[in-house]
Amino acid sequence: MAKTAVYFPGIGYHCDKPLLYYSRKIACELGYQNYRNISYAYDGGNIRGNERKMREAYEALLLQAESQLADVDWFGFDDVLFVSKSIGTIIAASYAEKRGLRNVRHILYTPLAQTYLFAPEHGIGFIGTADPWSDTDEIIRLSEANRIPLTVYDGCNHSLECDDTLKNLELLKDIMGRTREFCMG
């Protein structure tokens, strides 16, 4: 079975940060040897709370992702996994919808509300209750409406971390365990 995975980071959360790094290691162990790490640049400053800047960032990052994925024959894969973080969840979901990729499975780390405008299917999500980028209750509602199982971590921020390093390691283990189960399914 031909498998591929694509990693869509956030603006300040690149592919070598814990959530994307360890999920990539797990996916590789499970046969996703063919993978792509998307990297983007955006110098428009702080976008949080600014709808116009958020839209500009989305458009710029989507173009960069499309360019980096232009040579991929998606229909040559039996299993396509999109792993995304923050604004990357919007990029991944919109890219899949725009390309008509119905065989994509999504892992959404700290999804933003706009992600659900593109109705991602076949996915799981993770969010913290202290995430300043998202209204946790709204993400819960949107995930339920899209049939995306969502794990909510009490007191965790936008990196799915809290103030206790050892607890963060336990949380990361839980997140990666759930990620692994999803990748296997």
Protein backbone atom coordinates (compact mmCIF):
# COMPACT_ATOMS: atom_id res chain seq x y z
CA MET A 1 0.00 0.00 0.00
CA ALA A 2 1.43 3.38 -1.04
CA LYS A 3 1.32 5.91 1.81
CA THR A 4 2.30 9.55 2.07
CA ALA A 5 2.11 12.18 4.77
CA VAL A 6 2.31 15.96 4.54
CA TYR A 7 3.10 18.20 7.50
CA PHE A 8 1.55 21.68 7.50
CA PRO A 9 3.09 23.75 10.32
CA GLY A 10 1.86 26.92 11.92
CA ILE A 11 3.60 30.23 11.34
CA GLY A 12 5.69 30.03 14.52
CA TYR A 13 5.46 26.27 14.97
CA HIS A 14 7.73 24.58 12.41
CA CYS A 15 7.96 20.88 11.57
CA ASP A 16 10.73 20.17 14.08
CA LYS A 17 8.66 21.24 17.09
CA PRO A 18 7.33 18.38 19.27
CA LEU A 19 3.84 17.77 17.87
CA LEU A 20 4.93 17.60 14.24
CA TYR A 21 8.33 16.03 14.90
CA TYR A 22 7.01 13.10 16.93
CA SER A 23 3.94 12.58 14.79
CA ARG A 24 6.26 12.32 11.77
CA LYS A 25 8.43 9.75 13.58
CA ILE A 26 5.32 7.71 14.42
CA ALA A 27 3.97 7.91 10.88
CA CYS A 28 7.32 6.81 9.43
CA GLU A 29 7.32 3.81 11.79
CA LEU A 30 3.87 2.94 10.41
CA GLY A 31 4.92 3.01 6.77
CA TYR A 32 4.57 6.67 5.79
CA GLN A 33 8.16 6.78 4.55
CA ASN A 34 7.20 9.17 1.77
CA TYR A 35 6.49 12.52 3.43
CA ARG A 36 6.78 16.26 2.89
CA ASN A 37 7.43 18.99 5.41
CA ILE A 38 5.87 22.21 4.22
CA SER A 39 7.66 25.40 5.21
CA TYR A 40 6.35 28.87 4.70
CA ALA A 41 7.37 32.43 5.30
CA TYR A 42 5.04 35.21 6.32
CA ASP A 43 6.29 38.59 7.47
CA GLY A 44 2.98 40.36 7.94
CA GLY A 45 3.34 40.60 11.71
CA ASN A 46 0.88 39.45 14.33
CA ILE A 47 -2.30 38.10 12.73
CA ARG A 48 -4.25 37.03 15.82
CA GLY A 49 -7.54 38.86 16.03
CA ASN A 50 -7.03 40.66 12.72
CA GLU A 51 -9.33 39.15 10.10
CA ARG A 52 -7.69 40.94 7.16
CA LYS A 53 -4.17 39.86 8.16
CA MET A 54 -5.38 36.32 8.83
CA ARG A 55 -6.84 36.17 5.31
CA GLU A 56 -3.60 37.57 3.82
CA ALA A 57 -1.54 35.03 5.74
CA TYR A 58 -3.84 32.19 4.68
CA GLU A 59 -3.62 33.17 1.01
CA ALA A 60 0.18 33.58 1.10
CA LEU A 61 0.75 30.29 2.93
CA LEU A 62 -1.66 28.35 0.71
CA LEU A 63 0.22 29.54 -2.39
CA GLN A 64 3.51 28.42 -0.85
CA ALA A 65 2.08 25.01 0.06
CA GLU A 66 0.60 24.58 -3.42
CA SER A 67 3.98 25.36 -4.96
CA GLN A 68 5.75 22.82 -2.73
CA LEU A 69 3.16 20.14 -3.54
CA ALA A 70 2.78 20.85 -7.27
CA ASP A 71 4.61 17.68 -8.33
CA VAL A 72 2.66 15.24 -6.13
CA ASP A 73 0.44 12.66 -7.85
CA TRP A 74 -2.11 12.29 -5.06
CA PHE A 75 -3.96 9.52 -6.82
CA GLY A 76 -0.84 7.35 -6.77
CA PHE A 77 -1.33 6.85 -3.02
CA ASP A 78 -3.73 4.55 -1.24
CA ASP A 79 -3.37 6.45 2.04
CA VAL A 80 -2.78 10.20 2.35
CA LEU A 81 -2.25 11.73 5.78
CA PHE A 82 -2.27 15.50 6.37
CA VAL A 83 -0.84 16.47 9.76
CA SER A 84 -1.31 20.13 10.58
CA LYS A 85 -0.88 22.71 13.31
CA SER A 86 -2.73 26.00 13.87
CA ILE A 87 -3.06 27.97 10.61
CA GLY A 88 -1.66 24.87 8.91
CA THR A 89 -4.99 23.17 9.69
CA ILE A 90 -6.73 25.73 7.48
CA ILE A 91 -4.13 25.28 4.73
CA ALA A 92 -4.40 21.47 4.84
CA ALA A 93 -8.21 21.38 4.84
CA SER A 94 -8.57 23.97 2.08
CA TYR A 95 -5.86 22.33 -0.03
CA ALA A 96 -7.62 18.95 0.22
CA GLU A 97 -10.98 20.49 -0.69
CA LYS A 98 -9.55 22.55 -3.57
CA ARG A 99 -7.83 19.47 -5.04
CA GLY A 100 -10.84 17.19 -4.49
CA LEU A 101 -8.79 14.83 -2.32
CA ARG A 102 -11.39 12.64 -0.63
CA ASN A 103 -8.92 9.97 0.52
CA VAL A 104 -7.09 12.35 2.88
CA ARG A 105 -7.10 11.74 6.62
CA HIS A 106 -6.42 14.77 8.85
CA ILE A 107 -4.67 15.15 12.18
CA LEU A 108 -5.53 18.64 13.40
CA TYR A 109 -3.35 20.00 16.19
CA THR A 110 -4.95 23.15 17.64
CA PRO A 111 -7.31 23.75 14.71
CA LEU A 112 -8.62 27.25 14.10
CA ALA A 113 -12.33 27.84 13.48
CA GLN A 114 -11.70 28.68 9.80
CA THR A 115 -10.45 25.11 9.27
CA TYR A 116 -14.01 23.85 9.40
CA LEU A 117 -15.11 26.11 6.52
CA PHE A 118 -13.45 23.47 4.31
CA ALA A 119 -15.23 20.53 5.97
CA PRO A 120 -12.27 18.24 6.60
CA GLU A 121 -13.33 14.61 6.69
CA HIS A 122 -11.77 11.56 8.29
CA GLY A 123 -9.80 13.25 11.01
CA ILE A 124 -9.05 13.81 14.65
CA GLY A 125 -8.28 17.01 16.52
CA PHE A 126 -6.57 18.25 19.65
CA ILE A 127 -7.14 21.55 21.49
CA GLY A 128 -6.32 23.11 24.86
CA THR A 129 -8.75 25.07 27.02
CA ALA A 130 -6.19 27.89 27.46
CA ASP A 131 -5.51 28.32 23.75
CA PRO A 132 -5.61 32.08 23.05
CA TRP A 133 -6.07 31.46 19.31
CA SER A 134 -9.31 29.51 19.61
CA ASP A 135 -12.60 29.53 21.43
CA THR A 136 -12.50 25.98 22.78
CA ASP A 137 -16.31 25.66 22.95
CA GLU A 138 -16.57 26.77 19.31
CA ILE A 139 -13.91 24.25 18.23
CA ILE A 140 -15.77 21.52 20.13
CA ARG A 141 -19.04 22.42 18.35
CA LEU A 142 -17.39 22.63 14.92
CA SER A 143 -15.59 19.32 15.45
CA GLU A 144 -18.82 17.61 16.46
CA ALA A 145 -20.64 19.08 13.44
CA ASN A 146 -17.88 17.73 11.16
CA ARG A 147 -17.71 14.37 12.97
CA ILE A 148 -14.08 14.99 13.94
CA PRO A 149 -13.26 13.39 17.31
CA LEU A 150 -11.60 16.07 19.43
CA THR A 151 -9.46 15.61 22.52
CA VAL A 152 -9.53 18.62 24.85
CA TYR A 153 -6.67 19.24 27.28
CA ASP A 154 -7.55 21.31 30.34
CA GLY A 155 -5.27 24.29 30.90
CA CYS A 156 -3.17 23.74 27.76
CA ASN A 157 -2.12 26.56 25.46
CA HIS A 158 -1.74 26.78 21.69
CA SER A 159 1.26 24.42 21.80
CA LEU A 160 -0.81 21.95 23.84
CA GLU A 161 1.41 22.67 26.84
CA CYS A 162 0.96 23.98 30.36
CA ASP A 163 3.37 25.37 32.98
CA ASP A 164 4.57 21.95 34.19
CA THR A 165 7.28 20.37 32.01
CA LEU A 166 6.80 16.82 33.30
CA LYS A 167 3.04 17.10 32.77
CA ASN A 168 3.77 18.33 29.22
CA LEU A 169 5.72 15.14 28.56
CA GLU A 170 2.75 13.09 29.81
CA LEU A 171 0.41 15.11 27.59
CA LEU A 172 2.71 14.67 24.59
CA LYS A 173 2.73 10.92 25.21
CA ASP A 174 -1.07 10.89 25.30
CA ILE A 175 -1.34 13.00 22.13
CA MET A 176 1.16 10.81 20.29
CA GLY A 177 -0.60 7.64 21.48
CA ARG A 178 -3.87 8.92 20.02
CA THR A 179 -2.02 10.04 16.88
CA ARG A 180 -0.53 6.57 16.48
CA GLU A 181 -3.93 4.89 16.89
CA PHE A 182 -5.40 7.18 14.24
CA CYS A 183 -2.51 6.53 11.84
CA MET A 184 -2.99 2.79 12.25
CA GLY A 185 -6.73 2.98 11.52
